Amino acid sequence: MIGPSIVLSAVLAVFHVSLYVLIRGRTGARLPLLLLAAFLGAWAGDSIGGRLGADPLQVGDYSVLTASLVAWLGIGAIAVLGVLGSVGGPEAEARQ
């Protein structure tokens, strides 16, 4: 049985990655990695927020604010690794 935490984390991950793509403009082949990192970050953030118990924005037992923050940390980590790992560095990515 799938718990509500997994479903809400997936919805939150899709929302935040969509917002990231809207801001950034494109992601290329990194989209699956961004979705995975945002999902795992949101799921971990919910767990952290539940343990701390200090999240002001909750939906039931789901800690939305903490999950969102950790999801953005995951998105940021993939974005930084993508820039560092690209052939030619940031200059080559800017020319594309």
N, C-alpha and C. Protein backbone atom coordinates (compact mmCIF):
# COMPACT_ATOMS: atom_id res chain seq x y z
N MET A 1 0.84 -1.19 0.00
CA MET A 1 0.00 0.00 0.00
C MET A 1 0.88 1.25 0.00
N ILE A 2 0.55 2.20 -0.85
CA ILE A 2 1.30 3.45 -0.95
C ILE A 2 0.75 4.44 0.06
N GLY A 3 1.65 4.98 0.87
CA GLY A 3 1.24 5.93 1.88
C GLY A 3 1.06 7.32 1.30
N PRO A 4 0.35 8.18 2.02
CA PRO A 4 0.12 9.54 1.52
C PRO A 4 1.40 10.37 1.43
N SER A 5 2.39 10.04 2.22
CA SER A 5 3.64 10.78 2.18
C SER A 5 4.34 10.64 0.83
N ILE A 6 4.30 9.44 0.26
CA ILE A 6 4.94 9.20 -1.04
C ILE A 6 4.20 9.96 -2.14
N VAL A 7 2.89 9.92 -2.10
CA VAL A 7 2.10 10.60 -3.13
C VAL A 7 2.28 12.11 -3.05
N LEU A 8 2.22 12.67 -1.85
CA LEU A 8 2.40 14.11 -1.69
C LEU A 8 3.82 14.54 -2.06
N SER A 9 4.81 13.70 -1.78
CA SER A 9 6.18 14.01 -2.17
C SER A 9 6.33 14.01 -3.68
N ALA A 10 5.66 13.09 -4.36
CA ALA A 10 5.71 13.05 -5.83
C ALA A 10 5.05 14.30 -6.42
N VAL A 11 3.91 14.70 -5.88
CA VAL A 11 3.21 15.89 -6.37
C VAL A 11 4.06 17.13 -6.12
N LEU A 12 4.65 17.23 -4.95
CA LEU A 12 5.49 18.37 -4.62
C LEU A 12 6.74 18.40 -5.50
N ALA A 13 7.31 17.24 -5.79
CA ALA A 13 8.50 17.16 -6.65
C ALA A 13 8.18 17.64 -8.06
N VAL A 14 7.07 17.20 -8.60
CA VAL A 14 6.68 17.63 -9.95
C VAL A 14 6.44 19.13 -9.98
N PHE A 15 5.79 19.66 -8.95
CA PHE A 15 5.54 21.10 -8.88
C PHE A 15 6.84 21.89 -8.85
N HIS A 16 7.78 21.50 -7.98
CA HIS A 16 9.01 22.27 -7.84
C HIS A 16 9.93 22.12 -9.05
N VAL A 17 9.98 20.96 -9.65
CA VAL A 17 10.78 20.80 -10.86
C VAL A 17 10.16 21.61 -12.01
N SER A 18 8.84 21.65 -12.08
CA SER A 18 8.18 22.47 -13.10
C SER A 18 8.50 23.94 -12.89
N LEU A 19 8.50 24.38 -11.66
CA LEU A 19 8.85 25.76 -11.35
C LEU A 19 10.31 26.04 -11.71
N TYR A 20 11.19 25.09 -11.44
CA TYR A 20 12.60 25.24 -11.79
C TYR A 20 12.78 25.35 -13.30
N VAL A 21 12.08 24.51 -14.06
CA VAL A 21 12.17 24.56 -15.52
C VAL A 21 11.59 25.88 -16.04
N LEU A 22 10.53 26.38 -15.44
CA LEU A 22 9.96 27.66 -15.83
C LEU A 22 10.96 28.79 -15.61
N ILE A 23 11.67 28.75 -14.50
CA ILE A 23 12.66 29.78 -14.18
C ILE A 23 13.90 29.63 -15.06
N ARG A 24 14.41 28.42 -15.18
CA ARG A 24 15.66 28.16 -15.89
C ARG A 24 15.47 28.18 -17.40
N GLY A 25 14.37 27.71 -17.89
CA GLY A 25 14.12 27.71 -19.32
C GLY A 25 14.23 26.34 -19.95
N ARG A 26 15.21 25.55 -19.56
CA ARG A 26 15.37 24.21 -20.10
C ARG A 26 16.28 23.42 -19.16
N THR A 27 16.19 22.10 -19.25
CA THR A 27 17.04 21.26 -18.41
C THR A 27 17.76 20.19 -19.20
N GLY A 28 17.30 19.92 -20.41
CA GLY A 28 17.95 18.89 -21.22
C GLY A 28 17.67 17.51 -20.68
N ALA A 29 18.71 16.69 -20.64
CA ALA A 29 18.57 15.30 -20.20
C ALA A 29 18.58 15.15 -18.69
N ARG A 30 18.69 16.26 -17.96
CA ARG A 30 18.73 16.18 -16.49
C ARG A 30 17.36 16.08 -15.85
N LEU A 31 16.30 16.17 -16.63
CA LEU A 31 14.95 16.19 -16.07
C LEU A 31 14.64 14.97 -15.20
N PRO A 32 14.95 13.73 -15.62
CA PRO A 32 14.68 12.59 -14.72
C PRO A 32 15.47 12.65 -13.41
N LEU A 33 16.72 13.12 -13.49
CA LEU A 33 17.51 13.25 -12.27
C LEU A 33 16.95 14.34 -11.36
N LEU A 34 16.48 15.42 -11.95
CA LEU A 34 15.86 16.48 -11.16
C LEU A 34 14.61 15.99 -10.45
N LEU A 35 13.78 15.24 -11.17
CA LEU A 35 12.57 14.70 -10.56
C LEU A 35 12.89 13.74 -9.43
N LEU A 36 13.88 12.88 -9.64
CA LEU A 36 14.27 11.93 -8.60
C LEU A 36 14.84 12.65 -7.38
N ALA A 37 15.71 13.62 -7.61
CA ALA A 37 16.29 14.36 -6.49
C ALA A 37 15.23 15.15 -5.73
N ALA A 38 14.30 15.76 -6.45
CA ALA A 38 13.24 16.53 -5.79
C ALA A 38 12.31 15.60 -5.02
N PHE A 39 11.99 14.44 -5.59
CA PHE A 39 11.13 13.48 -4.89
C PHE A 39 11.79 12.98 -3.61
N LEU A 40 13.04 12.55 -3.72
CA LEU A 40 13.75 12.04 -2.53
C LEU A 40 13.95 13.15 -1.51
N GLY A 41 14.21 14.36 -1.99
CA GLY A 41 14.35 15.49 -1.07
C GLY A 41 13.06 15.82 -0.35
N ALA A 42 11.95 15.81 -1.08
CA ALA A 42 10.66 16.10 -0.45
C ALA A 42 10.28 15.02 0.55
N TRP A 43 10.56 13.78 0.20
CA TRP A 43 10.25 12.68 1.11
C TRP A 43 11.10 12.76 2.37
N ALA A 44 12.40 13.04 2.21
CA ALA A 44 13.28 13.20 3.36
C ALA A 44 12.91 14.45 4.16
N GLY A 45 12.55 15.52 3.47
CA GLY A 45 12.17 16.75 4.16
C GLY A 45 10.92 16.58 5.00
N ASP A 46 9.97 15.78 4.50
CA ASP A 46 8.77 15.49 5.29
C ASP A 46 9.15 14.72 6.56
N SER A 47 10.05 13.79 6.42
CA SER A 47 10.48 13.01 7.58
C SER A 47 11.20 13.90 8.60
N ILE A 48 12.06 14.78 8.11
CA ILE A 48 12.77 15.70 9.00
C ILE A 48 11.80 16.65 9.68
N GLY A 49 10.87 17.20 8.89
CA GLY A 49 9.87 18.12 9.45
C GLY A 49 8.98 17.45 10.47
N GLY A 50 8.67 16.18 10.24
CA GLY A 50 7.85 15.44 11.20
C GLY A 50 8.57 15.20 12.51
N ARG A 51 9.87 14.96 12.41
CA ARG A 51 10.66 14.75 13.63
C ARG A 51 10.86 16.04 14.42
N LEU A 52 11.09 17.15 13.68
CA LEU A 52 11.29 18.43 14.36
C LEU A 52 9.99 18.98 14.93
N GLY A 53 8.91 18.78 14.19
CA GLY A 53 7.60 19.23 14.66
C GLY A 53 7.43 20.74 14.68
N ALA A 54 8.27 21.46 13.94
CA ALA A 54 8.22 22.92 13.96
C ALA A 54 7.86 23.50 12.61
N ASP A 55 7.24 22.74 11.74
CA ASP A 55 6.88 23.22 10.41
C ASP A 55 5.56 23.98 10.49
N PRO A 56 5.56 25.28 10.15
CA PRO A 56 4.31 26.05 10.25
C PRO A 56 3.31 25.75 9.13
N LEU A 57 3.75 25.11 8.06
CA LEU A 57 2.87 24.82 6.93
C LEU A 57 2.74 23.31 6.77
N GLN A 58 1.63 22.77 7.25
CA GLN A 58 1.41 21.32 7.20
C GLN A 58 0.08 21.00 6.56
N VAL A 59 0.04 19.86 5.88
CA VAL A 59 -1.20 19.30 5.36
C VAL A 59 -1.37 17.97 6.08
N GLY A 60 -2.20 17.94 7.08
CA GLY A 60 -2.30 16.76 7.92
C GLY A 60 -1.00 16.57 8.68
N ASP A 61 -0.36 15.43 8.46
CA ASP A 61 0.94 15.17 9.08
C ASP A 61 2.09 15.47 8.14
N TYR A 62 1.82 15.94 6.94
CA TYR A 62 2.86 16.18 5.94
C TYR A 62 3.43 17.59 6.12
N SER A 63 4.73 17.68 6.30
CA SER A 63 5.42 18.96 6.50
C SER A 63 5.79 19.56 5.15
N VAL A 64 4.96 20.46 4.66
CA VAL A 64 5.11 20.99 3.31
C VAL A 64 6.32 21.92 3.19
N LEU A 65 6.53 22.79 4.14
CA LEU A 65 7.62 23.76 4.06
C LEU A 65 8.98 23.06 4.11
N THR A 66 9.18 22.17 5.04
CA THR A 66 10.44 21.45 5.15
C THR A 66 10.67 20.56 3.93
N ALA A 67 9.63 19.91 3.46
CA ALA A 67 9.75 19.07 2.26
C ALA A 67 10.13 19.92 1.05
N SER A 68 9.55 21.10 0.93
CA SER A 68 9.88 21.98 -0.19
C SER A 68 11.33 22.46 -0.13
N LEU A 69 11.77 22.83 1.05
CA LEU A 69 13.16 23.29 1.19
C LEU A 69 14.16 22.20 0.83
N VAL A 70 13.94 21.00 1.31
CA VAL A 70 14.88 19.91 1.01
C VAL A 70 14.76 19.47 -0.45
N ALA A 71 13.58 19.58 -1.04
CA ALA A 71 13.43 19.29 -2.47
C ALA A 71 14.25 20.28 -3.29
N TRP A 72 14.23 21.56 -2.92
CA TRP A 72 15.03 22.55 -3.63
C TRP A 72 16.52 22.32 -3.42
N LEU A 73 16.91 21.79 -2.28
CA LEU A 73 18.32 21.42 -2.08
C LEU A 73 18.72 20.32 -3.06
N GLY A 74 17.83 19.35 -3.26
CA GLY A 74 18.11 18.28 -4.23
C GLY A 74 18.19 18.81 -5.64
N ILE A 75 17.27 19.71 -6.01
CA ILE A 75 17.29 20.31 -7.34
C ILE A 75 18.58 21.12 -7.53
N GLY A 76 18.95 21.86 -6.52
CA GLY A 76 20.19 22.65 -6.59
C GLY A 76 21.42 21.78 -6.72
N ALA A 77 21.45 20.66 -6.02
CA ALA A 77 22.60 19.76 -6.12
C ALA A 77 22.74 19.20 -7.52
N ILE A 78 21.64 18.80 -8.14
CA ILE A 78 21.68 18.28 -9.51
C ILE A 78 22.08 19.38 -10.49
N ALA A 79 21.58 20.58 -10.28
CA ALA A 79 21.93 21.70 -11.17
C ALA A 79 23.42 22.01 -11.09
N VAL A 80 23.97 22.04 -9.88
CA VAL A 80 25.40 22.32 -9.71
C VAL A 80 26.24 21.19 -10.31
N LEU A 81 25.85 19.96 -10.05
CA LEU A 81 26.59 18.83 -10.63
C LEU A 81 26.49 18.82 -12.15
N GLY A 82 25.37 19.24 -12.68
CA GLY A 82 25.21 19.30 -14.13
C GLY A 82 26.12 20.34 -14.77
N VAL A 83 26.27 21.47 -14.11
CA VAL A 83 27.15 22.51 -14.64
C VAL A 83 28.61 22.09 -14.50
N LEU A 84 28.96 21.51 -13.36
CA LEU A 84 30.34 21.08 -13.16
C LEU A 84 30.72 19.91 -14.05
N GLY A 85 29.77 19.07 -14.37
CA GLY A 85 30.06 17.89 -15.18
C GLY A 85 29.90 18.09 -16.66
N SER A 86 29.45 19.28 -17.09
CA SER A 86 29.25 19.49 -18.52
C SER A 86 30.59 19.65 -19.22
N VAL A 87 30.66 19.19 -20.45
CA VAL A 87 31.87 19.29 -21.24
C VAL A 87 32.06 20.74 -21.67
N GLY A 88 33.17 21.31 -21.35
CA GLY A 88 33.43 22.71 -21.71
C GLY A 88 33.07 23.70 -20.63
N GLY A 89 32.48 23.26 -19.55
CA GLY A 89 32.14 24.14 -18.44
C GLY A 89 30.91 24.99 -18.70
N PRO A 90 30.70 26.01 -17.89
CA PRO A 90 29.51 26.85 -18.01
C PRO A 90 29.46 27.66 -19.31
N GLU A 91 30.62 27.97 -19.87
CA GLU A 91 30.63 28.74 -21.11
C GLU A 91 29.98 27.96 -22.25
N ALA A 92 30.29 26.66 -22.33
CA ALA A 92 29.71 25.82 -23.40
C ALA A 92 28.20 25.67 -23.22
N GLU A 93 27.75 25.60 -21.97
CA GLU A 93 26.31 25.48 -21.72
C GLU A 93 25.59 26.78 -22.07
N ALA A 94 26.23 27.92 -21.85
CA ALA A 94 25.62 29.20 -22.16
C ALA A 94 25.49 29.41 -23.67
N ARG A 95 26.40 28.84 -24.44
CA ARG A 95 26.34 29.00 -25.90
C ARG A 95 25.25 28.17 -26.54
N GLN A 96 24.76 27.14 -25.88
CA GLN A 96 23.77 26.24 -26.49
C GLN A 96 22.42 26.85 -26.54
